[in-house]
N, C-alpha and C. Protein backbone atom coordinates (compact mmCIF):
# COMPACT_ATOMS: atom_id res chain seq x y z
N UNK A 1 57.29 -95.50 -2.21
CA UNK A 1 56.27 -96.29 -2.38
C UNK A 1 56.74 -97.66 -2.52
N UNK A 2 56.14 -98.67 -2.15
CA UNK A 2 56.39 -100.00 -2.27
C UNK A 2 56.14 -100.48 -3.61
N UNK A 3 56.76 -101.66 -4.05
CA UNK A 3 56.43 -102.24 -5.34
C UNK A 3 55.03 -102.58 -5.59
N UNK A 4 54.50 -103.10 -4.52
CA UNK A 4 53.02 -103.61 -4.68
C UNK A 4 52.10 -102.34 -4.88
N UNK A 5 52.44 -101.15 -3.98
CA UNK A 5 51.68 -100.02 -4.12
C UNK A 5 51.74 -99.37 -5.52
N UNK A 6 53.11 -99.33 -6.03
CA UNK A 6 53.31 -98.75 -7.30
C UNK A 6 52.52 -99.40 -8.32
N UNK A 7 52.66 -100.88 -8.26
CA UNK A 7 51.84 -101.73 -9.18
C UNK A 7 50.24 -101.39 -9.33
N UNK A 8 49.85 -101.37 -8.04
CA UNK A 8 48.46 -101.05 -7.91
C UNK A 8 48.01 -99.65 -8.32
N UNK A 9 48.81 -98.74 -8.29
CA UNK A 9 48.57 -97.36 -8.81
C UNK A 9 48.58 -97.30 -10.22
N UNK A 10 49.77 -98.13 -10.80
CA UNK A 10 49.58 -98.16 -12.30
C UNK A 10 48.51 -98.95 -12.75
N UNK A 11 47.99 -99.94 -12.15
CA UNK A 11 46.80 -100.63 -12.46
C UNK A 11 45.52 -99.74 -12.58
N UNK A 12 45.42 -98.85 -11.49
CA UNK A 12 44.46 -97.97 -11.31
C UNK A 12 44.42 -96.98 -12.53
N UNK A 13 45.53 -96.43 -12.87
CA UNK A 13 45.55 -95.58 -13.88
C UNK A 13 45.34 -96.27 -15.20
N UNK A 14 45.73 -97.40 -15.35
CA UNK A 14 45.37 -98.17 -16.66
C UNK A 14 43.78 -98.34 -16.69
N UNK A 15 43.18 -98.62 -15.49
CA UNK A 15 41.79 -98.90 -15.57
C UNK A 15 40.99 -97.65 -15.96
N UNK A 16 41.52 -96.60 -15.36
CA UNK A 16 40.74 -95.17 -15.61
C UNK A 16 41.12 -94.84 -17.16
N UNK A 17 42.24 -95.16 -17.58
CA UNK A 17 42.49 -94.88 -19.12
C UNK A 17 41.63 -95.72 -20.08
N UNK A 18 41.49 -97.12 -19.63
CA UNK A 18 40.52 -97.77 -20.59
C UNK A 18 39.02 -97.43 -20.19
N UNK A 19 38.75 -96.99 -19.04
CA UNK A 19 37.45 -96.31 -19.01
C UNK A 19 37.08 -95.12 -19.85
N UNK A 20 38.19 -94.42 -20.11
CA UNK A 20 37.83 -93.35 -21.22
C UNK A 20 37.59 -93.81 -22.61
N UNK A 21 38.13 -94.89 -23.01
CA UNK A 21 37.90 -95.58 -24.22
C UNK A 21 36.46 -96.01 -24.25
N UNK A 22 36.07 -96.63 -23.11
CA UNK A 22 34.58 -97.05 -22.88
C UNK A 22 33.64 -96.04 -23.08
N UNK A 23 34.16 -94.91 -22.36
CA UNK A 23 33.26 -93.75 -22.53
C UNK A 23 33.05 -93.31 -23.98
N UNK A 24 34.17 -93.28 -24.64
CA UNK A 24 34.11 -92.84 -26.12
C UNK A 24 33.17 -93.75 -26.89
N UNK A 25 33.31 -95.09 -26.54
CA UNK A 25 32.42 -95.94 -27.52
C UNK A 25 31.01 -95.75 -27.01
N UNK A 26 30.85 -95.45 -25.61
CA UNK A 26 29.31 -95.34 -25.13
C UNK A 26 28.78 -94.06 -25.99
N UNK A 27 29.54 -92.89 -25.99
CA UNK A 27 29.23 -91.71 -26.65
C UNK A 27 28.80 -91.90 -28.17
N UNK A 28 29.62 -92.81 -28.76
CA UNK A 28 29.39 -93.14 -30.26
C UNK A 28 28.16 -94.02 -30.50
N UNK A 29 27.81 -94.75 -29.41
CA UNK A 29 26.64 -95.70 -29.54
C UNK A 29 25.29 -95.06 -29.01
N UNK A 30 25.35 -93.78 -28.65
CA UNK A 30 24.22 -92.94 -28.21
C UNK A 30 23.42 -92.56 -29.39
N UNK A 31 21.93 -92.67 -29.35
CA UNK A 31 21.16 -92.20 -30.49
C UNK A 31 21.17 -90.66 -30.40
N UNK A 32 20.62 -90.11 -31.51
CA UNK A 32 20.59 -88.63 -31.72
C UNK A 32 19.83 -87.91 -30.50
N UNK A 33 18.80 -88.72 -30.18
CA UNK A 33 17.92 -88.09 -28.98
C UNK A 33 18.20 -89.05 -27.71
N UNK A 34 19.00 -88.42 -26.85
CA UNK A 34 19.35 -89.27 -25.62
C UNK A 34 18.18 -89.35 -24.45
N UNK A 35 17.95 -90.51 -24.15
CA UNK A 35 16.75 -90.77 -23.17
C UNK A 35 17.33 -91.61 -22.25
N UNK A 36 16.70 -91.66 -20.96
CA UNK A 36 17.14 -92.48 -19.92
C UNK A 36 17.28 -94.10 -20.30
N UNK A 37 16.22 -94.48 -21.05
CA UNK A 37 16.23 -95.87 -21.46
C UNK A 37 17.46 -96.15 -22.43
N UNK A 38 17.91 -95.16 -23.33
CA UNK A 38 18.88 -95.34 -24.17
C UNK A 38 20.18 -95.43 -23.27
N UNK A 39 20.26 -94.69 -22.21
CA UNK A 39 21.58 -94.76 -21.39
C UNK A 39 21.60 -96.02 -20.62
N UNK A 40 20.47 -96.31 -20.24
CA UNK A 40 20.50 -97.67 -19.46
C UNK A 40 20.75 -99.02 -20.34
N UNK A 41 20.46 -98.86 -21.63
CA UNK A 41 20.79 -100.01 -22.44
C UNK A 41 21.92 -99.84 -23.25
N UNK A 42 22.78 -98.87 -22.81
CA UNK A 42 24.05 -98.76 -23.39
C UNK A 42 25.13 -99.58 -22.78
N UNK A 43 25.55 -100.72 -23.33
CA UNK A 43 26.39 -101.47 -22.61
C UNK A 43 27.72 -101.01 -22.35
N UNK A 44 28.36 -99.99 -23.39
CA UNK A 44 29.55 -99.37 -23.26
C UNK A 44 29.58 -98.62 -22.06
N UNK A 45 28.42 -97.90 -21.82
CA UNK A 45 28.46 -96.89 -20.65
C UNK A 45 28.44 -97.57 -19.35
N UNK A 46 27.56 -98.81 -19.33
CA UNK A 46 27.52 -99.61 -18.11
C UNK A 46 28.92 -100.03 -17.81
N UNK A 47 29.62 -100.56 -18.78
CA UNK A 47 30.88 -101.12 -18.44
C UNK A 47 31.90 -99.99 -18.17
N UNK A 48 31.78 -98.76 -18.66
CA UNK A 48 32.75 -97.85 -18.32
C UNK A 48 32.39 -97.28 -16.79
N UNK A 49 31.06 -97.04 -16.42
CA UNK A 49 30.66 -96.85 -15.10
C UNK A 49 31.17 -97.90 -14.06
N UNK A 50 31.02 -99.25 -14.32
CA UNK A 50 31.45 -100.15 -13.56
C UNK A 50 33.03 -100.26 -13.22
N UNK A 51 33.82 -99.96 -14.54
CA UNK A 51 35.23 -99.88 -14.44
C UNK A 51 35.64 -98.69 -13.48
N UNK A 52 35.03 -97.51 -13.82
CA UNK A 52 35.42 -96.38 -12.84
C UNK A 52 34.96 -96.59 -11.51
N UNK A 53 33.89 -97.27 -11.14
CA UNK A 53 33.72 -97.78 -9.76
C UNK A 53 34.61 -98.45 -9.08
N UNK A 54 35.12 -99.60 -9.84
CA UNK A 54 36.21 -100.51 -9.24
C UNK A 54 37.39 -99.53 -9.16
N UNK A 55 37.84 -98.89 -9.99
CA UNK A 55 39.14 -98.06 -10.03
C UNK A 55 39.19 -96.91 -8.87
N UNK A 56 37.88 -96.49 -8.75
CA UNK A 56 37.81 -95.51 -7.56
C UNK A 56 38.00 -96.05 -6.24
N UNK A 57 37.45 -97.45 -6.02
CA UNK A 57 37.64 -98.12 -4.83
C UNK A 57 39.18 -98.32 -4.59
N UNK A 58 39.78 -98.81 -5.81
CA UNK A 58 41.25 -99.08 -5.80
C UNK A 58 41.83 -97.84 -5.41
N UNK A 59 41.64 -96.67 -6.07
CA UNK A 59 42.27 -95.36 -5.58
C UNK A 59 42.11 -95.09 -4.11
N UNK A 60 41.05 -95.19 -3.48
CA UNK A 60 40.77 -94.97 -2.15
C UNK A 60 41.72 -95.90 -1.35
N UNK A 61 41.81 -97.16 -1.68
CA UNK A 61 42.92 -98.08 -1.10
C UNK A 61 44.23 -97.48 -1.20
N UNK A 62 44.47 -97.15 -2.39
CA UNK A 62 45.91 -96.52 -2.63
C UNK A 62 46.21 -95.30 -1.72
N UNK A 63 45.23 -94.43 -1.66
CA UNK A 63 45.34 -93.13 -0.82
C UNK A 63 45.53 -93.51 0.67
N UNK A 64 44.93 -94.75 1.04
CA UNK A 64 44.94 -95.10 2.42
C UNK A 64 46.54 -95.47 2.75
N UNK A 65 47.02 -95.97 1.85
CA UNK A 65 48.48 -96.44 1.99
C UNK A 65 49.67 -95.65 1.40
N UNK A 66 49.46 -94.69 0.59
CA UNK A 66 50.44 -93.83 0.03
C UNK A 66 50.00 -92.30 0.19
N UNK A 67 51.14 -91.49 0.30
CA UNK A 67 50.73 -90.00 0.32
C UNK A 67 50.14 -89.46 -0.96
N UNK A 68 49.33 -88.59 -1.00
CA UNK A 68 48.86 -88.08 -2.14
C UNK A 68 49.76 -87.49 -3.10
N UNK A 69 50.80 -86.68 -2.70
CA UNK A 69 51.85 -86.12 -3.40
C UNK A 69 52.71 -87.25 -4.02
N UNK A 70 52.61 -88.48 -3.61
CA UNK A 70 53.35 -89.38 -4.52
C UNK A 70 52.49 -90.23 -5.28
N UNK A 71 51.29 -90.35 -4.93
CA UNK A 71 50.26 -91.29 -5.76
C UNK A 71 49.86 -90.51 -7.09
N UNK A 72 49.50 -89.24 -6.64
CA UNK A 72 48.82 -88.32 -7.87
C UNK A 72 49.54 -88.15 -9.09
N UNK A 73 50.97 -88.09 -9.09
CA UNK A 73 51.54 -87.91 -10.26
C UNK A 73 51.37 -89.00 -11.33
N UNK A 74 51.23 -90.25 -10.90
CA UNK A 74 50.97 -91.45 -11.66
C UNK A 74 49.83 -91.23 -12.62
N UNK A 75 48.75 -90.43 -12.02
CA UNK A 75 47.50 -90.07 -12.92
C UNK A 75 47.98 -89.31 -14.17
N UNK A 76 49.03 -88.67 -14.12
CA UNK A 76 49.68 -87.95 -15.49
C UNK A 76 49.78 -88.95 -16.54
N UNK A 77 50.20 -90.21 -16.21
CA UNK A 77 50.48 -91.19 -17.32
C UNK A 77 49.30 -91.34 -18.13
N UNK A 78 48.02 -91.19 -17.60
CA UNK A 78 46.97 -91.29 -18.36
C UNK A 78 46.93 -90.38 -19.84
N UNK A 79 47.65 -89.32 -19.61
CA UNK A 79 47.76 -88.35 -20.73
C UNK A 79 48.50 -88.97 -21.83
N UNK A 80 49.26 -90.00 -21.57
CA UNK A 80 50.00 -90.76 -22.60
C UNK A 80 49.25 -92.07 -22.84
N UNK A 81 48.77 -92.65 -21.89
CA UNK A 81 48.06 -94.01 -22.02
C UNK A 81 46.91 -93.98 -22.83
N UNK A 82 45.93 -93.01 -22.63
CA UNK A 82 44.58 -92.87 -23.24
C UNK A 82 44.86 -92.53 -24.81
N UNK A 83 45.86 -91.40 -25.23
CA UNK A 83 45.90 -91.43 -26.73
C UNK A 83 46.52 -92.60 -27.34
N UNK A 84 47.56 -93.37 -26.70
CA UNK A 84 47.97 -94.62 -27.33
C UNK A 84 47.01 -95.58 -27.43
N UNK A 85 46.03 -95.78 -26.50
CA UNK A 85 44.99 -96.79 -26.51
C UNK A 85 44.14 -96.37 -27.55
N UNK A 86 43.57 -95.01 -27.79
CA UNK A 86 42.75 -94.65 -28.68
C UNK A 86 43.30 -94.90 -30.16
N UNK A 87 44.61 -94.68 -30.31
CA UNK A 87 45.25 -94.99 -31.41
C UNK A 87 45.12 -96.52 -31.90
N UNK A 88 45.51 -97.39 -30.81
CA UNK A 88 45.53 -98.65 -31.05
C UNK A 88 44.22 -99.30 -31.46
N UNK A 89 43.18 -99.07 -30.48
CA UNK A 89 41.84 -99.63 -30.60
C UNK A 89 40.82 -98.93 -31.39
N UNK A 90 40.89 -97.54 -31.42
CA UNK A 90 39.86 -96.76 -31.88
C UNK A 90 40.30 -96.19 -33.41
N UNK A 91 41.56 -96.33 -33.75
CA UNK A 91 42.27 -95.77 -35.05
C UNK A 91 42.30 -94.34 -34.90
N UNK A 92 42.31 -93.54 -33.78
CA UNK A 92 42.60 -92.23 -33.70
C UNK A 92 44.08 -91.90 -33.94
N UNK A 93 44.29 -90.61 -34.60
CA UNK A 93 45.63 -90.37 -34.79
C UNK A 93 46.53 -90.09 -33.51
N UNK A 94 47.79 -90.41 -33.60
CA UNK A 94 48.77 -90.20 -32.60
C UNK A 94 49.76 -89.29 -33.07
N UNK A 95 49.88 -88.14 -32.53
CA UNK A 95 50.90 -87.24 -33.11
C UNK A 95 52.18 -87.16 -32.25
N UNK A 96 53.30 -86.73 -32.84
CA UNK A 96 54.59 -86.59 -32.08
C UNK A 96 54.45 -85.84 -30.73
N UNK A 97 53.68 -84.82 -30.88
CA UNK A 97 53.62 -83.74 -29.75
C UNK A 97 52.92 -84.57 -28.66
N UNK A 98 51.99 -85.51 -28.87
CA UNK A 98 51.46 -86.13 -27.68
C UNK A 98 52.55 -87.13 -27.03
N UNK A 99 53.40 -87.81 -27.97
CA UNK A 99 54.43 -88.55 -27.38
C UNK A 99 55.28 -87.93 -26.62
N UNK A 100 55.77 -86.57 -27.21
CA UNK A 100 56.77 -85.80 -26.54
C UNK A 100 56.31 -85.32 -25.16
N UNK A 101 54.98 -84.94 -25.26
CA UNK A 101 54.42 -84.53 -23.95
C UNK A 101 54.36 -85.56 -23.00
N UNK A 102 54.07 -86.82 -23.49
CA UNK A 102 53.88 -88.05 -22.52
C UNK A 102 55.24 -88.36 -22.08
N UNK A 103 56.43 -88.17 -22.84
CA UNK A 103 57.68 -88.49 -22.23
C UNK A 103 57.91 -87.57 -21.17
N UNK A 104 57.78 -86.23 -21.41
CA UNK A 104 57.82 -85.28 -20.30
C UNK A 104 57.05 -85.70 -19.08
N UNK A 105 55.93 -86.06 -19.32
CA UNK A 105 55.02 -86.48 -18.25
C UNK A 105 55.72 -87.55 -17.26
N UNK A 106 56.03 -88.60 -18.16
CA UNK A 106 56.75 -89.85 -17.44
C UNK A 106 57.87 -89.31 -16.59
N UNK A 107 58.69 -88.45 -17.21
CA UNK A 107 60.01 -87.92 -16.49
C UNK A 107 59.55 -87.35 -15.32
N UNK A 108 58.47 -86.60 -15.35
CA UNK A 108 57.91 -85.92 -14.06
C UNK A 108 57.41 -86.94 -13.13
N UNK A 109 56.80 -87.91 -13.61
CA UNK A 109 56.20 -88.93 -12.71
C UNK A 109 57.49 -89.62 -11.91
N UNK A 110 58.36 -89.91 -12.77
CA UNK A 110 59.77 -90.61 -12.17
C UNK A 110 60.37 -89.77 -11.17
N UNK A 111 60.46 -88.48 -11.46
CA UNK A 111 61.08 -87.51 -10.50
C UNK A 111 60.17 -87.38 -9.20
N UNK A 112 58.86 -87.19 -9.34
CA UNK A 112 58.10 -87.04 -8.26
C UNK A 112 57.87 -88.22 -7.42
N UNK A 113 58.07 -89.41 -8.00
CA UNK A 113 57.78 -90.69 -7.14
C UNK A 113 58.98 -91.07 -6.35
N UNK A 114 60.16 -90.36 -6.63
CA UNK A 114 61.26 -90.81 -5.91
C UNK A 114 61.27 -90.20 -4.58
N UNK A 115 61.89 -90.59 -3.49
CA UNK A 115 61.87 -90.05 -2.06
C UNK A 115 63.29 -89.55 -1.71
């Protein structure tokens, strides 16, 4: 994959990862009884859906230019990015097993993305 395509793929994975944090914030902001007005007034949810929409369009562009077998392994990086962002911004615990698994995933992405 070209450098530009690799960068776009990483940006897409980062956007999807940030979307997960927005969904977590949206879930925490929901009232006990969920209603359509409550969903429509949830700014976190609107932001998450907008980010997912943008990253989906980006992913479609990526798949137009890259083989799926090379682009998709990058999505595995979200298994490391999401817990790291949750630890950084939401104060969630980050365990060594998560980091070890993330390192293995990164090695797999590096292996799969070489031709």
